[in-house]
N, C-alpha and C. Protein backbone atom coordinates (compact mmCIF):
# COMPACT_ATOMS: atom_id res chain seq x y z
N MET A 1 73.93 18.49 -20.39
CA MET A 1 73.61 18.33 -21.98
C MET A 1 74.44 17.76 -23.25
N ARG A 2 73.91 17.49 -23.79
CA ARG A 2 74.92 16.84 -25.21
C ARG A 2 75.20 18.31 -25.81
N GLU A 3 75.88 18.21 -26.20
CA GLU A 3 76.18 18.99 -27.31
C GLU A 3 74.95 19.28 -28.91
N ILE A 4 74.70 20.28 -29.11
CA ILE A 4 73.86 20.34 -30.25
C ILE A 4 74.50 20.01 -31.52
N ASP A 5 73.58 19.75 -32.26
CA ASP A 5 74.42 19.82 -33.51
C ASP A 5 73.53 20.73 -34.19
N TYR A 6 74.45 21.57 -34.68
CA TYR A 6 73.30 22.77 -35.37
C TYR A 6 73.28 22.93 -37.21
N THR A 7 74.07 21.27 -37.41
CA THR A 7 74.38 21.33 -39.35
C THR A 7 72.98 21.71 -39.79
N HIS A 8 72.52 21.37 -39.38
CA HIS A 8 70.89 20.99 -40.36
C HIS A 8 69.76 21.71 -40.15
N TYR A 9 70.24 22.80 -39.08
CA TYR A 9 69.21 23.75 -38.04
C TYR A 9 68.41 24.61 -38.59
N PHE A 10 67.43 25.01 -39.00
CA PHE A 10 66.65 25.73 -39.90
C PHE A 10 66.93 27.12 -39.49
N TRP A 11 66.86 27.35 -38.01
CA TRP A 11 66.49 29.12 -37.65
C TRP A 11 68.05 29.50 -37.46
N GLN A 12 69.08 29.08 -38.54
CA GLN A 12 70.32 29.63 -38.19
C GLN A 12 70.64 30.04 -39.79
N ASN A 13 71.76 30.85 -39.97
CA ASN A 13 73.00 30.75 -41.25
C ASN A 13 74.00 30.92 -41.22
N ASP A 14 75.20 31.29 -41.72
CA ASP A 14 76.36 31.58 -41.69
C ASP A 14 76.32 32.56 -40.71
N SER A 15 75.65 33.31 -40.21
CA SER A 15 76.10 34.63 -39.18
C SER A 15 75.32 34.68 -38.07
N ILE A 16 74.02 34.03 -37.71
CA ILE A 16 72.96 34.45 -36.93
C ILE A 16 72.29 33.10 -36.27
N ARG A 17 71.39 32.98 -35.38
CA ARG A 17 70.30 32.34 -34.81
C ARG A 17 69.60 32.71 -34.09
N LEU A 18 68.29 32.48 -34.65
CA LEU A 18 67.67 32.77 -33.71
C LEU A 18 66.84 31.75 -32.58
N ARG A 19 66.51 32.54 -31.63
CA ARG A 19 66.30 31.29 -30.44
C ARG A 19 65.06 32.20 -29.45
N ALA A 20 64.71 31.04 -28.96
CA ALA A 20 63.54 31.77 -28.08
C ALA A 20 64.49 32.88 -26.49
N VAL A 21 63.18 33.56 -26.02
CA VAL A 21 63.55 34.58 -25.68
C VAL A 21 63.67 33.64 -24.24
N HIS A 22 64.90 34.27 -22.95
CA HIS A 22 64.86 33.43 -22.48
C HIS A 22 65.12 34.87 -21.25
N PRO A 23 64.67 33.67 -20.21
CA PRO A 23 64.23 34.91 -18.94
C PRO A 23 65.91 35.80 -18.51
N GLU A 24 66.82 35.48 -18.67
CA GLU A 24 68.30 36.14 -18.62
C GLU A 24 68.28 37.31 -19.98
N ASP A 25 67.47 37.57 -20.56
CA ASP A 25 67.28 38.22 -21.52
C ASP A 25 67.29 39.85 -21.43
N TRP A 26 66.50 39.64 -20.03
CA TRP A 26 65.76 40.89 -19.73
C TRP A 26 67.07 42.21 -19.42
N GLU A 27 68.22 41.49 -19.00
CA GLU A 27 68.85 42.86 -18.72
C GLU A 27 68.94 43.52 -20.27
N ALA A 28 69.17 42.81 -21.44
CA ALA A 28 69.61 43.33 -22.97
C ALA A 28 68.69 44.46 -23.35
N HIS A 29 67.59 43.71 -22.86
CA HIS A 29 66.01 44.42 -23.20
C HIS A 29 66.51 45.50 -22.52
N TYR A 30 66.28 45.31 -21.04
CA TYR A 30 66.37 47.20 -20.50
C TYR A 30 67.37 47.92 -21.11
N ILE A 31 68.43 47.30 -21.04
CA ILE A 31 69.67 48.15 -21.57
C ILE A 31 69.23 49.10 -22.89
N ASN A 32 68.73 48.13 -23.41
CA ASN A 32 68.34 49.17 -25.32
C ASN A 32 67.37 50.16 -24.82
N ARG A 33 66.66 49.94 -23.96
CA ARG A 33 65.92 51.06 -23.91
C ARG A 33 66.49 52.38 -23.51
N PHE A 34 67.56 52.34 -23.19
CA PHE A 34 68.55 53.91 -23.08
C PHE A 34 69.04 54.21 -24.69
N ASP A 35 68.83 53.53 -25.13
CA ASP A 35 68.91 53.80 -26.76
C ASP A 35 68.11 54.71 -27.20
N THR A 36 67.98 55.88 -27.09
CA THR A 36 66.55 56.62 -27.41
C THR A 36 66.25 57.02 -29.17
N THR A 37 67.51 57.26 -29.84
CA THR A 37 67.77 57.92 -31.06
C THR A 37 67.19 56.39 -32.37
N ALA A 38 67.66 54.84 -31.20
CA ALA A 38 67.26 53.52 -32.12
C ALA A 38 65.62 53.46 -31.70
N ARG A 39 65.73 53.65 -30.80
CA ARG A 39 64.25 53.34 -29.86
C ARG A 39 62.98 54.38 -30.77
N ARG A 40 63.63 55.60 -30.97
CA ARG A 40 61.95 56.67 -31.79
C ARG A 40 61.96 55.91 -33.09
N LEU A 41 63.43 55.39 -33.92
CA LEU A 41 62.90 54.98 -34.94
C LEU A 41 62.31 53.69 -35.17
N LEU A 42 62.58 52.96 -34.16
CA LEU A 42 61.75 51.57 -34.01
C LEU A 42 60.29 51.86 -33.54
N GLU A 43 60.22 52.43 -32.86
CA GLU A 43 58.54 52.99 -32.08
C GLU A 43 58.02 54.53 -32.72
N ASN A 44 59.09 55.07 -33.22
CA ASN A 44 57.78 56.02 -33.13
C ASN A 44 57.73 57.27 -32.31
N ALA A 45 58.17 57.23 -31.46
CA ALA A 45 57.97 57.72 -30.21
C ALA A 45 58.80 57.68 -29.00
N VAL A 46 58.60 58.77 -28.06
CA VAL A 46 59.95 58.58 -26.98
C VAL A 46 59.14 57.68 -25.91
N LYS A 47 59.64 56.35 -25.63
CA LYS A 47 59.24 56.10 -24.53
C LYS A 47 59.47 56.75 -22.57
N LEU A 48 58.49 56.23 -21.85
CA LEU A 48 59.04 56.81 -20.24
C LEU A 48 60.25 55.84 -20.01
N PRO A 49 61.35 56.61 -19.09
CA PRO A 49 62.45 55.80 -18.87
C PRO A 49 62.00 54.14 -18.30
N PRO A 50 63.22 53.62 -19.15
CA PRO A 50 63.09 51.93 -18.47
C PRO A 50 62.62 51.90 -16.96
N THR A 51 62.63 50.96 -16.79
CA THR A 51 61.85 49.60 -15.77
C THR A 51 62.51 48.47 -15.86
N ILE A 52 63.26 47.89 -14.61
CA ILE A 52 63.43 46.50 -14.53
C ILE A 52 62.66 45.76 -14.29
N THR A 53 61.42 46.33 -14.06
CA THR A 53 60.33 45.64 -13.92
C THR A 53 59.45 45.53 -15.33
N GLU A 54 59.26 46.06 -15.90
CA GLU A 54 59.15 46.26 -17.26
C GLU A 54 60.27 45.57 -18.40
N ALA A 55 61.46 45.17 -18.39
CA ALA A 55 61.66 44.42 -18.85
C ALA A 55 61.61 42.75 -18.38
N LYS A 56 61.65 42.75 -17.10
CA LYS A 56 61.53 40.99 -16.83
C LYS A 56 59.97 40.87 -17.23
N SER A 57 59.03 42.00 -17.58
CA SER A 57 58.23 41.45 -17.54
C SER A 57 58.20 41.45 -19.04
N PHE A 58 58.41 41.69 -19.93
CA PHE A 58 58.48 41.43 -21.26
C PHE A 58 59.23 40.07 -21.77
N THR A 59 60.33 39.41 -20.80
CA THR A 59 60.78 38.29 -20.80
C THR A 59 59.41 37.53 -20.58
N GLU A 60 58.80 37.09 -20.02
CA GLU A 60 57.61 36.48 -19.26
C GLU A 60 57.16 36.25 -20.40
N THR A 61 56.19 37.57 -20.72
CA THR A 61 55.51 37.44 -21.69
C THR A 61 55.77 36.84 -22.90
N TYR A 62 56.99 37.34 -23.75
CA TYR A 62 57.24 37.05 -25.06
C TYR A 62 58.07 35.63 -24.74
N GLY A 63 58.68 35.05 -24.15
CA GLY A 63 59.39 33.90 -23.34
C GLY A 63 58.69 32.79 -24.43
N ASP A 64 59.47 31.54 -24.54
CA ASP A 64 59.14 30.01 -25.14
C ASP A 64 57.31 30.54 -26.00
N PHE A 65 58.02 31.77 -26.94
CA PHE A 65 56.93 31.68 -27.75
C PHE A 65 55.09 31.93 -27.30
N ALA A 66 55.48 32.06 -26.38
CA ALA A 66 53.78 32.23 -25.65
C ALA A 66 52.83 33.22 -26.01
N SER A 67 53.46 34.29 -27.07
CA SER A 67 52.53 35.28 -26.88
C SER A 67 52.18 34.90 -28.66
N SER A 68 50.96 35.13 -29.26
CA SER A 68 50.78 34.81 -30.19
C SER A 68 51.86 35.93 -31.31
N ASN A 69 52.52 36.82 -31.11
CA ASN A 69 53.34 37.77 -31.47
C ASN A 69 54.77 37.17 -31.37
N LEU A 70 55.36 35.65 -32.52
CA LEU A 70 56.51 35.22 -32.30
C LEU A 70 57.70 36.27 -31.96
N THR A 71 58.47 36.28 -30.87
CA THR A 71 59.54 37.19 -30.50
C THR A 71 60.36 35.61 -30.42
N PHE A 72 61.85 35.97 -30.97
CA PHE A 72 62.76 35.78 -31.28
C PHE A 72 64.19 36.62 -30.81
N THR A 73 64.90 36.17 -29.93
CA THR A 73 66.59 36.74 -29.28
C THR A 73 67.11 36.20 -30.93
N ILE A 74 68.28 37.35 -31.36
CA ILE A 74 69.52 37.02 -32.52
C ILE A 74 70.27 36.70 -31.49
N GLU A 75 71.04 35.70 -32.09
CA GLU A 75 72.26 35.18 -31.52
C GLU A 75 73.42 35.55 -32.61
N ASN A 76 74.46 35.49 -32.46
CA ASN A 76 75.23 35.33 -33.35
C ASN A 76 76.18 34.07 -33.66
N LEU A 77 76.77 33.48 -34.18
CA LEU A 77 77.63 32.42 -33.66
C LEU A 77 78.13 31.65 -32.64
N ASN A 78 78.85 33.07 -31.90
CA ASN A 78 79.28 32.86 -30.57
C ASN A 78 78.82 33.05 -29.24
N ALA A 79 77.19 32.90 -29.68
CA ALA A 79 76.47 32.85 -28.51
C ALA A 79 75.99 34.17 -28.12
N GLU A 80 76.60 35.18 -28.82
CA GLU A 80 75.72 36.54 -28.19
C GLU A 80 74.75 37.13 -28.41
N ASN A 81 74.20 37.53 -27.39
CA ASN A 81 72.52 37.69 -27.59
C ASN A 81 72.90 39.46 -28.60
N VAL A 82 72.65 39.55 -29.64
CA VAL A 82 73.04 40.45 -30.77
C VAL A 82 71.85 41.44 -30.98
N GLY A 83 70.45 40.95 -30.69
CA GLY A 83 69.28 42.26 -30.53
C GLY A 83 67.64 40.96 -30.65
N GLY A 84 66.91 41.49 -31.28
CA GLY A 84 65.44 40.56 -31.49
C GLY A 84 64.80 40.61 -32.97
N ILE A 85 63.98 40.07 -32.74
CA ILE A 85 63.17 39.87 -33.97
C ILE A 85 61.89 39.46 -33.58
N HIS A 86 60.53 40.11 -33.95
CA HIS A 86 59.15 39.75 -33.82
C HIS A 86 58.85 39.61 -35.68
N LEU A 87 57.90 38.65 -35.22
CA LEU A 87 56.70 38.03 -36.49
C LEU A 87 55.59 38.54 -35.96
N ASN A 88 55.03 39.56 -36.35
CA ASN A 88 52.94 39.70 -35.81
C ASN A 88 52.52 40.19 -36.83
N ARG A 89 51.70 40.91 -36.05
CA ARG A 89 50.55 41.31 -37.13
C ARG A 89 49.57 40.19 -38.43
N ILE A 90 49.62 38.91 -37.90
CA ILE A 90 49.58 37.91 -38.91
C ILE A 90 48.14 37.31 -39.28
N ASP A 91 47.48 37.95 -40.32
CA ASP A 91 46.75 37.90 -41.02
C ASP A 91 46.18 36.47 -42.29
N GLU A 92 46.02 35.40 -41.17
CA GLU A 92 46.03 34.06 -42.16
C GLU A 92 44.83 34.16 -42.96
N ARG A 93 44.32 34.66 -42.98
CA ARG A 93 43.06 35.37 -44.00
C ARG A 93 43.59 35.48 -45.46
N ASN A 94 43.69 36.77 -45.46
CA ASN A 94 44.66 37.42 -46.39
C ASN A 94 46.15 37.37 -46.72
N GLY A 95 46.80 36.52 -45.83
CA GLY A 95 47.80 35.92 -46.03
C GLY A 95 49.25 37.13 -45.96
N THR A 96 49.10 38.16 -44.84
CA THR A 96 49.72 38.93 -44.60
C THR A 96 50.65 39.00 -43.38
N PHE A 97 51.73 39.35 -43.38
CA PHE A 97 52.34 39.84 -41.85
C PHE A 97 53.43 41.10 -42.04
N HIS A 98 53.58 41.07 -40.84
CA HIS A 98 54.95 42.46 -40.49
C HIS A 98 55.92 41.66 -39.61
N ILE A 99 57.00 42.08 -39.52
CA ILE A 99 57.90 41.70 -38.77
C ILE A 99 58.90 43.35 -38.40
N ARG A 100 59.17 42.82 -37.59
CA ARG A 100 60.15 44.21 -36.51
C ARG A 100 61.12 43.68 -35.73
N LEU A 101 61.99 44.32 -35.95
CA LEU A 101 63.53 43.64 -35.95
C LEU A 101 64.16 44.79 -35.28
N HIS A 102 65.33 44.96 -34.23
CA HIS A 102 66.65 45.56 -33.36
C HIS A 102 67.11 44.79 -33.32
N ILE A 103 69.16 45.59 -33.35
CA ILE A 103 70.22 44.96 -33.32
C ILE A 103 70.45 46.12 -32.22
N ASP A 104 71.61 45.12 -31.25
CA ASP A 104 72.08 46.36 -29.81
C ASP A 104 72.91 46.76 -30.87
N ARG A 105 73.00 48.07 -30.33
CA ARG A 105 74.47 49.09 -31.00
C ARG A 105 75.41 48.64 -31.16
N ASP A 106 76.14 47.81 -30.43
CA ASP A 106 77.61 47.18 -30.25
C ASP A 106 77.46 46.45 -31.16
N HIS A 107 76.47 46.20 -31.91
CA HIS A 107 76.52 44.77 -32.85
C HIS A 107 75.59 45.20 -34.39
N ARG A 108 75.79 46.38 -34.81
CA ARG A 108 75.50 47.11 -36.04
C ARG A 108 76.69 46.90 -36.98
N ASP A 109 75.69 46.82 -38.30
CA ASP A 109 76.46 47.19 -39.20
C ASP A 109 77.40 45.77 -39.63
N GLN A 110 76.83 44.86 -39.54
CA GLN A 110 77.84 43.15 -39.61
C GLN A 110 76.81 42.26 -40.34
N GLY A 111 75.05 42.86 -40.69
CA GLY A 111 74.20 42.13 -41.23
C GLY A 111 73.70 40.91 -40.86
N TYR A 112 73.69 41.60 -39.29
CA TYR A 112 72.98 40.68 -38.69
C TYR A 112 71.35 40.70 -38.85
N GLY A 113 71.02 41.93 -38.79
CA GLY A 113 69.43 42.29 -39.34
C GLY A 113 69.14 41.63 -40.22
N THR A 114 69.77 41.56 -41.48
CA THR A 114 69.70 41.32 -42.88
C THR A 114 69.07 39.84 -42.82
N ASN A 115 70.71 38.93 -41.82
CA ASN A 115 70.33 37.95 -41.77
C ASN A 115 68.92 37.36 -41.12
N ALA A 116 68.43 37.86 -39.84
CA ALA A 116 67.60 37.75 -39.02
C ALA A 116 66.07 37.52 -39.89
N LEU A 117 66.06 38.87 -40.84
CA LEU A 117 64.66 38.95 -41.92
C LEU A 117 64.98 38.07 -42.27
N ASN A 118 65.87 37.49 -42.91
CA ASN A 118 65.80 36.29 -44.42
C ASN A 118 65.43 34.76 -43.48
N ILE A 119 65.75 34.86 -42.33
CA ILE A 119 65.22 33.88 -41.64
C ILE A 119 63.92 33.61 -41.83
N LEU A 120 63.15 34.40 -41.07
CA LEU A 120 61.57 35.02 -40.38
C LEU A 120 61.20 34.90 -41.92
N LEU A 121 61.32 35.25 -42.97
CA LEU A 121 61.01 35.76 -44.18
C LEU A 121 60.15 34.17 -44.77
N LYS A 122 61.69 33.34 -44.86
CA LYS A 122 61.74 32.24 -45.25
C LYS A 122 60.59 30.96 -44.64
N TYR A 123 60.81 31.51 -43.32
CA TYR A 123 59.67 31.20 -42.51
C TYR A 123 58.24 31.32 -42.68
N ALA A 124 58.25 32.43 -42.88
CA ALA A 124 56.65 33.46 -42.78
C ALA A 124 56.00 33.11 -44.75
N PHE A 125 57.29 32.39 -45.50
CA PHE A 125 56.44 32.36 -46.92
C PHE A 125 56.63 30.78 -46.88
N PHE A 126 57.30 29.83 -46.53
CA PHE A 126 57.51 28.59 -47.04
C PHE A 126 56.71 27.67 -45.85
N GLU A 127 56.45 28.10 -44.42
CA GLU A 127 56.22 27.17 -43.69
C GLU A 127 54.89 27.34 -43.51
N ARG A 128 54.72 29.32 -43.44
CA ARG A 128 53.29 29.61 -42.65
C ARG A 128 52.37 29.55 -43.81
N ARG A 129 52.83 29.68 -44.98
CA ARG A 129 52.51 29.82 -46.39
C ARG A 129 51.42 31.52 -46.42
N LEU A 130 52.16 32.41 -45.74
CA LEU A 130 51.61 33.29 -45.49
C LEU A 130 52.20 34.47 -47.51
N ASN A 131 51.60 35.08 -48.04
CA ASN A 131 51.73 35.78 -49.42
C ASN A 131 52.78 37.11 -49.23
N LYS A 132 52.25 37.68 -48.14
CA LYS A 132 53.28 39.54 -48.40
C LYS A 132 53.01 39.88 -47.48
N PHE A 133 54.73 40.49 -46.78
CA PHE A 133 55.48 40.77 -46.15
C PHE A 133 55.06 42.82 -46.27
N ASN A 134 54.67 43.01 -45.36
CA ASN A 134 53.91 44.25 -45.32
C ASN A 134 55.13 45.52 -44.09
N THR A 135 55.37 46.59 -44.45
CA THR A 135 56.10 46.81 -43.01
C THR A 135 56.40 48.38 -43.63
N ALA A 136 57.05 49.75 -42.76
CA ALA A 136 57.30 50.98 -42.87
C ALA A 136 58.13 51.31 -42.13
N VAL A 137 59.15 52.12 -42.18
CA VAL A 137 60.15 52.82 -41.51
C VAL A 137 60.08 54.32 -41.36
N LEU A 138 59.79 54.76 -40.33
CA LEU A 138 60.22 56.13 -40.42
C LEU A 138 61.01 56.96 -41.52
N GLU A 139 61.07 58.12 -42.09
CA GLU A 139 61.41 58.79 -42.98
C GLU A 139 62.99 59.38 -41.88
N GLY A 140 64.35 58.90 -43.19
CA GLY A 140 65.41 59.02 -42.23
C GLY A 140 66.18 58.24 -41.81
N ASN A 141 64.86 56.80 -41.62
CA ASN A 141 65.72 55.63 -41.64
C ASN A 141 66.57 54.80 -42.71
N GLU A 142 67.84 55.56 -42.95
CA GLU A 142 68.38 54.79 -43.84
C GLU A 142 68.64 53.53 -44.02
N ALA A 143 69.04 53.35 -42.71
CA ALA A 143 69.34 51.75 -42.33
C ALA A 143 68.95 50.77 -42.78
N ALA A 144 67.70 51.20 -42.19
CA ALA A 144 66.50 49.62 -42.05
C ALA A 144 66.00 50.10 -43.65
N ALA A 145 65.57 51.19 -44.04
CA ALA A 145 65.59 50.94 -45.80
C ALA A 145 66.53 50.35 -46.76
N ALA A 146 67.51 50.56 -46.38
CA ALA A 146 68.74 49.88 -46.74
C ALA A 146 68.44 48.81 -46.66
N MET A 147 68.05 48.14 -45.89
CA MET A 147 68.28 46.51 -45.38
C MET A 147 66.93 45.83 -45.64
N LEU A 148 65.93 46.54 -45.94
CA LEU A 148 64.80 46.14 -46.69
C LEU A 148 64.93 45.59 -48.27
N ARG A 149 65.64 46.89 -48.65
CA ARG A 149 65.53 46.89 -50.08
C ARG A 149 66.80 45.56 -50.60
N LYS A 150 67.91 45.16 -49.75
CA LYS A 150 68.32 44.21 -49.81
C LYS A 150 67.69 42.95 -49.59
N SER A 151 67.18 42.96 -48.92
CA SER A 151 65.59 41.79 -49.03
C SER A 151 64.77 41.46 -49.86
N GLY A 152 65.05 42.16 -50.94
CA GLY A 152 64.03 42.29 -52.07
C GLY A 152 63.07 43.26 -52.00
N CYS A 153 62.46 43.91 -50.67
CA CYS A 153 61.44 44.38 -50.39
C CYS A 153 61.47 45.75 -52.02
N VAL A 154 60.12 46.34 -52.08
CA VAL A 154 59.74 46.89 -52.83
C VAL A 154 58.85 48.61 -52.24
N GLU A 155 59.50 49.27 -52.70
CA GLU A 155 59.00 50.36 -51.65
C GLU A 155 57.47 51.01 -52.28
N GLU A 156 56.83 50.76 -52.10
CA GLU A 156 55.15 51.28 -52.22
C GLU A 156 54.57 52.56 -52.24
N GLY A 157 55.58 53.45 -51.47
CA GLY A 157 54.87 54.86 -51.41
C GLY A 157 54.81 55.53 -49.65
N ILE A 158 54.42 56.34 -49.99
CA ILE A 158 54.98 57.20 -48.90
C ILE A 158 53.11 57.61 -48.10
N ARG A 159 53.03 57.46 -46.64
CA ARG A 159 52.35 57.72 -45.47
C ARG A 159 52.88 59.28 -45.43
N ARG A 160 52.15 60.22 -45.36
CA ARG A 160 52.56 61.87 -45.47
C ARG A 160 52.24 62.24 -44.02
N GLN A 161 53.22 62.91 -43.20
CA GLN A 161 53.11 63.15 -42.13
C GLN A 161 52.15 62.75 -40.81
N ASP A 162 52.33 61.39 -40.73
CA ASP A 162 51.62 60.15 -40.05
C ASP A 162 51.96 60.17 -38.73
N ILE A 163 53.00 60.51 -38.76
CA ILE A 163 53.80 60.34 -37.07
C ILE A 163 54.05 61.37 -36.41
N TYR A 164 53.86 61.87 -35.54
CA TYR A 164 54.40 62.97 -34.88
C TYR A 164 55.45 62.71 -33.83
N THR A 165 56.65 62.75 -33.91
CA THR A 165 57.38 62.54 -32.78
C THR A 165 59.12 63.51 -32.95
N ASN A 166 59.80 64.11 -31.72
CA ASN A 166 60.85 65.12 -32.12
C ASN A 166 60.31 66.63 -32.19
N GLY A 167 59.12 66.89 -32.06
CA GLY A 167 58.88 68.38 -32.30
C GLY A 167 58.09 68.18 -33.70
N GLN A 168 57.86 67.27 -34.35
CA GLN A 168 57.62 67.50 -36.06
C GLN A 168 56.59 66.32 -36.46
N TYR A 169 55.84 66.27 -37.28
CA TYR A 169 55.27 65.42 -37.97
C TYR A 169 56.27 64.96 -39.34
N MET A 170 56.20 63.62 -39.21
CA MET A 170 57.33 62.83 -40.06
C MET A 170 56.34 61.61 -41.12
N SER A 171 56.76 61.53 -42.20
CA SER A 171 56.44 60.40 -43.01
C SER A 171 56.60 59.41 -42.54
N SER A 172 55.92 57.98 -43.18
CA SER A 172 56.19 56.42 -42.97
C SER A 172 56.50 56.42 -44.93
N ILE A 173 57.72 55.50 -44.69
CA ILE A 173 57.63 55.08 -46.13
C ILE A 173 57.40 53.79 -45.83
N LEU A 174 56.24 53.33 -46.88
CA LEU A 174 55.95 51.58 -47.29
C LEU A 174 56.59 51.00 -48.09
N PHE A 175 57.04 49.75 -47.68
CA PHE A 175 57.45 49.08 -48.18
C PHE A 175 56.51 47.49 -48.24
N GLY A 176 56.81 46.19 -49.39
CA GLY A 176 56.10 45.28 -49.00
C GLY A 176 56.98 44.39 -50.30
N LEU A 177 56.81 43.39 -49.76
CA LEU A 177 57.24 41.81 -50.45
C LEU A 177 56.15 40.89 -50.52
N THR A 178 55.98 40.45 -51.82
CA THR A 178 55.29 39.05 -51.87
C THR A 178 55.71 37.82 -52.02
N LYS A 179 55.81 36.69 -51.72
CA LYS A 179 56.23 35.69 -51.54
C LYS A 179 56.94 35.34 -53.37
N LYS A 180 55.80 35.49 -53.99
CA LYS A 180 56.72 35.81 -55.96
C LYS A 180 57.97 36.21 -55.89
N GLU A 181 57.91 37.07 -54.97
CA GLU A 181 59.37 38.60 -55.58
C GLU A 181 60.39 37.69 -54.54
N TYR A 182 59.94 37.35 -53.54
CA TYR A 182 60.53 36.67 -52.60
C TYR A 182 61.55 35.74 -53.52
N VAL A 183 61.10 34.64 -53.85
CA VAL A 183 61.53 33.65 -54.48
C VAL A 183 62.36 34.11 -55.14
N GLN A 184 61.84 35.38 -56.35
CA GLN A 184 63.07 35.97 -57.86
C GLN A 184 64.25 36.44 -56.78
N HIS A 185 63.79 36.62 -55.68
CA HIS A 185 65.54 37.94 -55.02
C HIS A 185 65.88 36.72 -54.67
N LEU A 186 65.56 35.53 -54.40
CA LEU A 186 66.54 34.62 -53.89
C LEU A 186 67.24 33.68 -55.00
N THR A 187 66.49 33.48 -55.92
CA THR A 187 66.84 33.49 -57.31
C THR A 187 67.90 33.82 -57.78
N ASN A 188 67.75 35.50 -58.04
CA ASN A 188 68.73 36.60 -58.42
C ASN A 188 70.03 36.48 -57.50
N SER A 189 69.95 36.47 -56.52
CA SER A 189 70.84 36.12 -55.22
C SER A 189 71.61 35.23 -55.60
N ARG A 190 71.15 33.97 -56.22
CA ARG A 190 71.88 32.75 -56.22
C ARG A 190 73.22 32.52 -57.66
N VAL A 191 72.43 33.73 -58.40
CA VAL A 191 72.96 33.56 -59.89
C VAL A 191 74.06 35.05 -59.50
N ALA A 192 73.82 35.67 -59.02
CA ALA A 192 74.81 37.11 -58.36
C ALA A 192 76.28 36.50 -57.99
N ASN A 193 75.98 35.03 -57.03
CA ASN A 193 77.26 34.32 -56.12
C ASN A 193 77.88 33.35 -57.13
N LEU A 194 77.15 33.04 -58.47
CA LEU A 194 78.45 32.14 -59.22
C LEU A 194 79.37 33.06 -59.84
N SER A 195 80.08 32.21 -60.03
CA SER A 195 81.18 33.19 -60.63
C SER A 195 80.47 32.59 -62.34
N GLU A 196 81.29 33.82 -63.30
CA GLU A 196 80.89 34.09 -64.49
C GLU A 196 81.04 32.60 -65.07
N GLU A 197 82.02 32.04 -65.07
CA GLU A 197 82.23 30.71 -66.31
C GLU A 197 81.08 30.09 -65.22
N GLU A 198 80.58 29.82 -64.37
CA GLU A 198 79.70 28.99 -63.92
C GLU A 198 78.43 29.25 -64.43
N GLN A 199 78.09 30.65 -64.48
CA GLN A 199 77.00 31.13 -65.17
C GLN A 199 76.61 30.79 -66.24
N HIS A 200 77.71 30.26 -67.07
CA HIS A 200 77.93 29.70 -68.60
C HIS A 200 77.48 28.58 -68.71
N LEU A 201 77.32 27.98 -68.02
CA LEU A 201 77.52 26.35 -67.80
C LEU A 201 76.05 25.73 -68.41
């Protein structure tokens, strides 16, 4: 196959690229299931021990965008699988949607999650004509909350003690982002990245 030119490719930025789930991604999916702390924060529960059968079934179900839940593998620009991201709960009538993502343990704190989230927000708002991103994080999940704020999301409230895990009832922190707020966030980010001289031209 000819070498692919990604210069004008929508699904990437300076840090990561989103692609379809491939059959060989089952191994990363399987290994991630052993990070109980991260899975609890993502799924609000402890799942049964991982199986290779389930991992392979996952790649078959979500590969090549076969499901209505759009599932992507996140790669860095060295083509390493660093995590996954899902666009789901799409409500075309009301213009709302949800995004869930995870970054593998060895690739965290490098901005991959924020970059992947912003590509999918851009797609949802500017290509799918959706209007409102809704999500929630388990209390104490400071990394996810910080990533959402960095992407322009607004904390909208607390759903008190609605999750039971690790022997206690915990609350969900609700976040949201409208298309208008996202456009304003992009504008503010561009201005912040200009030099002081450029801002006064």
